[in-house]
Amino acid sequence: MAAVEGGVLRIQHREPSFEFSRTFIIKTQPIETSFDLQTDGREIARSNRGLTSRSRLEWQGNSLLLTVLIDAPRGIVSNVVRYELLDDGRTLRAVEDGGGAAPTHHNVWMFVRR
């Protein structure tokens, strides 16, 4: 996403609880996202702004895999993110793939611990 000018990611992870909040700055405006899930792979349904989503978070080896499916007016939108710690936990890599009824995207995000 070339439009992202900067951002902050905050994760609070105490197995099995996972709390995520992210603020990206796009065209000088903050865009915030947050969620909380358990890492047991159980699917959780939510409604937000008239849309229903189903999310699950599960371990796959040393990675956490987030799968989100959103029931949008044009069909199901998917977003799948694999979170991996690198450099003895100093760097978080998030590999994100989206598609379905939304434009396809592939992003690799690198976050350095402060």
C-alpha atoms as a PDB file:
ATOM      1  CA  MET A   1       0.000   0.000   0.000  1.00  0.00           C
ATOM      2  CA  ALA A   2       2.026   2.902  -1.283  1.00  0.00           C
ATOM      3  CA  ALA A   3      -0.399   5.382   0.307  1.00  0.00           C
ATOM      4  CA  VAL A   4       0.669   4.460   3.865  1.00  0.00           C
ATOM      5  CA  GLU A   5       2.889   7.238   5.220  1.00  0.00           C
ATOM      6  CA  GLY A   6       3.563   5.633   8.599  1.00  0.00           C
ATOM      7  CA  GLY A   7       1.958   3.642  11.316  1.00  0.00           C
ATOM      8  CA  VAL A   8       1.981   2.038  14.725  1.00  0.00           C
ATOM      9  CA  LEU A   9       1.042  -1.539  15.548  1.00  0.00           C
ATOM     10  CA  ARG A  10       0.346  -2.690  19.084  1.00  0.00           C
ATOM     11  CA  ILE A  11      -0.169  -6.350  20.020  1.00  0.00           C
ATOM     12  CA  GLN A  12      -0.917  -7.630  23.487  1.00  0.00           C
ATOM     13  CA  HIS A  13      -0.485 -11.421  23.410  1.00  0.00           C
ATOM     14  CA  ARG A  14      -0.956 -13.562  26.477  1.00  0.00           C
ATOM     15  CA  GLU A  15      -1.739 -17.019  25.169  1.00  0.00           C
ATOM     16  CA  PRO A  16      -4.480 -17.671  24.197  1.00  0.00           C
ATOM     17  CA  SER A  17      -5.632 -14.002  24.190  1.00  0.00           C
ATOM     18  CA  PHE A  18      -4.514 -11.801  21.289  1.00  0.00           C
ATOM     19  CA  GLU A  19      -5.369  -8.082  21.172  1.00  0.00           C
ATOM     20  CA  PHE A  20      -4.409  -6.111  18.060  1.00  0.00           C
ATOM     21  CA  SER A  21      -4.579  -2.401  17.321  1.00  0.00           C
ATOM     22  CA  ARG A  22      -3.063  -0.592  14.369  1.00  0.00           C
ATOM     23  CA  THR A  23      -3.048   2.998  13.175  1.00  0.00           C
ATOM     24  CA  PHE A  24      -1.869   3.755   9.663  1.00  0.00           C
ATOM     25  CA  ILE A  25      -1.463   7.329   8.431  1.00  0.00           C
ATOM     26  CA  ILE A  26      -2.836   7.726   4.905  1.00  0.00           C
ATOM     27  CA  LYS A  27      -2.946  11.198   3.330  1.00  0.00           C
ATOM     28  CA  THR A  28      -2.238  12.632   6.803  1.00  0.00           C
ATOM     29  CA  GLN A  29      -5.368  10.915   8.214  1.00  0.00           C
ATOM     30  CA  PRO A  30      -5.212   8.158  10.839  1.00  0.00           C
ATOM     31  CA  ILE A  31      -6.948   4.902   9.874  1.00  0.00           C
ATOM     32  CA  GLU A  32      -7.488   2.662  12.898  1.00  0.00           C
ATOM     33  CA  THR A  33      -8.170  -1.062  13.115  1.00  0.00           C
ATOM     34  CA  SER A  34      -8.493  -3.207  16.212  1.00  0.00           C
ATOM     35  CA  PHE A  35      -9.684  -6.664  17.204  1.00  0.00           C
ATOM     36  CA  ASP A  36      -9.304  -9.275  19.886  1.00  0.00           C
ATOM     37  CA  LEU A  37      -9.370 -13.025  19.312  1.00  0.00           C
ATOM     38  CA  GLN A  38      -8.291 -16.267  20.915  1.00  0.00           C
ATOM     39  CA  THR A  39      -5.530 -18.303  19.226  1.00  0.00           C
ATOM     40  CA  ASP A  40      -7.565 -21.536  19.346  1.00  0.00           C
ATOM     41  CA  GLY A  41      -8.835 -21.340  15.745  1.00  0.00           C
ATOM     42  CA  ARG A  42     -12.450 -20.886  16.831  1.00  0.00           C
ATOM     43  CA  GLU A  43     -14.450 -18.766  14.370  1.00  0.00           C
ATOM     44  CA  ILE A  44     -15.989 -15.578  15.790  1.00  0.00           C
ATOM     45  CA  ALA A  45     -18.792 -13.721  13.960  1.00  0.00           C
ATOM     46  CA  ARG A  46     -19.170  -9.948  14.350  1.00  0.00           C
ATOM     47  CA  SER A  47     -21.211  -7.123  12.817  1.00  0.00           C
ATOM     48  CA  ASN A  48     -19.705  -3.726  12.118  1.00  0.00           C
ATOM     49  CA  ARG A  49     -21.123  -0.881  10.033  1.00  0.00           C
ATOM     50  CA  GLY A  50     -23.788  -3.140   8.560  1.00  0.00           C
ATOM     51  CA  LEU A  51     -21.342  -5.871   7.501  1.00  0.00           C
ATOM     52  CA  THR A  52     -20.932  -9.305   9.056  1.00  0.00           C
ATOM     53  CA  SER A  53     -17.486 -10.838   9.372  1.00  0.00           C
ATOM     54  CA  ARG A  54     -16.124 -14.181  10.505  1.00  0.00           C
ATOM     55  CA  SER A  55     -12.613 -14.288  11.946  1.00  0.00           C
ATOM     56  CA  ARG A  56     -10.325 -16.927  13.361  1.00  0.00           C
ATOM     57  CA  LEU A  57      -6.744 -16.966  14.624  1.00  0.00           C
ATOM     58  CA  GLU A  58      -4.709 -20.154  14.855  1.00  0.00           C
ATOM     59  CA  TRP A  59      -1.159 -21.356  15.296  1.00  0.00           C
ATOM     60  CA  GLN A  60       0.578 -22.929  12.318  1.00  0.00           C
ATOM     61  CA  GLY A  61       3.999 -23.899  13.607  1.00  0.00           C
ATOM     62  CA  ASN A  62       5.656 -20.690  14.858  1.00  0.00           C
ATOM     63  CA  SER A  63       3.262 -18.445  12.910  1.00  0.00           C
ATOM     64  CA  LEU A  64      -0.150 -17.079  13.803  1.00  0.00           C
ATOM     65  CA  LEU A  65      -2.605 -17.200  10.910  1.00  0.00           C
ATOM     66  CA  LEU A  66      -5.495 -14.720  10.887  1.00  0.00           C
ATOM     67  CA  THR A  67      -8.360 -15.410   8.495  1.00  0.00           C
ATOM     68  CA  VAL A  68     -11.126 -12.827   8.075  1.00  0.00           C
ATOM     69  CA  LEU A  69     -14.123 -13.293   5.777  1.00  0.00           C
ATOM     70  CA  ILE A  70     -16.466 -10.317   5.328  1.00  0.00           C
ATOM     71  CA  ASP A  71     -19.950 -10.686   3.846  1.00  0.00           C
ATOM     72  CA  ALA A  72     -19.997  -7.636   1.562  1.00  0.00           C
ATOM     73  CA  PRO A  73     -22.757  -6.573  -0.853  1.00  0.00           C
ATOM     74  CA  ARG A  74     -20.790  -7.891  -3.870  1.00  0.00           C
ATOM     75  CA  GLY A  75     -19.768 -11.160  -2.205  1.00  0.00           C
ATOM     76  CA  ILE A  76     -17.291 -12.433   0.332  1.00  0.00           C
ATOM     77  CA  VAL A  77     -14.114 -10.404   0.872  1.00  0.00           C
ATOM     78  CA  SER A  78     -11.177 -12.357   2.294  1.00  0.00           C
ATOM     79  CA  ASN A  79      -8.118 -11.159   4.175  1.00  0.00           C
ATOM     80  CA  VAL A  80      -5.516 -13.648   5.393  1.00  0.00           C
ATOM     81  CA  VAL A  81      -2.495 -12.527   7.428  1.00  0.00           C
ATOM     82  CA  ARG A  82       0.434 -14.636   8.658  1.00  0.00           C
ATOM     83  CA  TYR A  83       2.269 -13.120  11.645  1.00  0.00           C
ATOM     84  CA  GLU A  84       5.855 -14.216  12.328  1.00  0.00           C
ATOM     85  CA  LEU A  85       8.454 -12.969  14.803  1.00  0.00           C
ATOM     86  CA  LEU A  86      11.988 -12.538  13.407  1.00  0.00           C
ATOM     87  CA  ASP A  87      15.336 -11.410  14.858  1.00  0.00           C
ATOM     88  CA  ASP A  88      14.708 -12.926  18.316  1.00  0.00           C
ATOM     89  CA  GLY A  89      11.349 -11.127  18.535  1.00  0.00           C
ATOM     90  CA  ARG A  90      12.585  -7.661  17.532  1.00  0.00           C
ATOM     91  CA  THR A  91      10.810  -7.702  14.156  1.00  0.00           C
ATOM     92  CA  LEU A  92       7.264  -8.737  13.286  1.00  0.00           C
ATOM     93  CA  ARG A  93       6.550  -9.724   9.694  1.00  0.00           C
ATOM     94  CA  ALA A  94       2.924  -9.752   8.594  1.00  0.00           C
ATOM     95  CA  VAL A  95       2.259 -11.261   5.162  1.00  0.00           C
ATOM     96  CA  GLU A  96      -1.227 -10.217   4.035  1.00  0.00           C
ATOM     97  CA  ASP A  97      -3.286 -11.505   1.120  1.00  0.00           C
ATOM     98  CA  GLY A  98      -6.748 -10.257   0.259  1.00  0.00           C
ATOM     99  CA  GLY A  99      -9.261 -10.916  -2.429  1.00  0.00           C
ATOM    100  CA  GLY A 100     -12.622 -12.398  -3.157  1.00  0.00           C
ATOM    101  CA  ALA A 101     -15.134  -9.667  -3.943  1.00  0.00           C
ATOM    102  CA  ALA A 102     -12.485  -6.994  -3.239  1.00  0.00           C
ATOM    103  CA  PRO A 103      -9.464  -6.133  -5.357  1.00  0.00           C
ATOM    104  CA  THR A 104      -6.678  -8.661  -4.825  1.00  0.00           C
ATOM    105  CA  HIS A 105      -3.724  -7.446  -2.780  1.00  0.00           C
ATOM    106  CA  HIS A 106      -0.497  -8.837  -1.359  1.00  0.00           C
ATOM    107  CA  ASN A 107       1.401  -6.885   1.284  1.00  0.00           C
ATOM    108  CA  VAL A 108       4.430  -7.703   3.377  1.00  0.00           C
ATOM    109  CA  TRP A 109       4.556  -5.505   6.482  1.00  0.00           C
ATOM    110  CA  MET A 110       7.673  -5.259   8.657  1.00  0.00           C
ATOM    111  CA  PHE A 111       7.337  -3.776  12.142  1.00  0.00           C
ATOM    112  CA  VAL A 112      10.359  -3.137  14.378  1.00  0.00           C
ATOM    113  CA  ARG A 113       9.893  -3.267  18.152  1.00  0.00           C
ATOM    114  CA  ARG A 114      10.536  -0.013  20.004  1.00  0.00           C
END
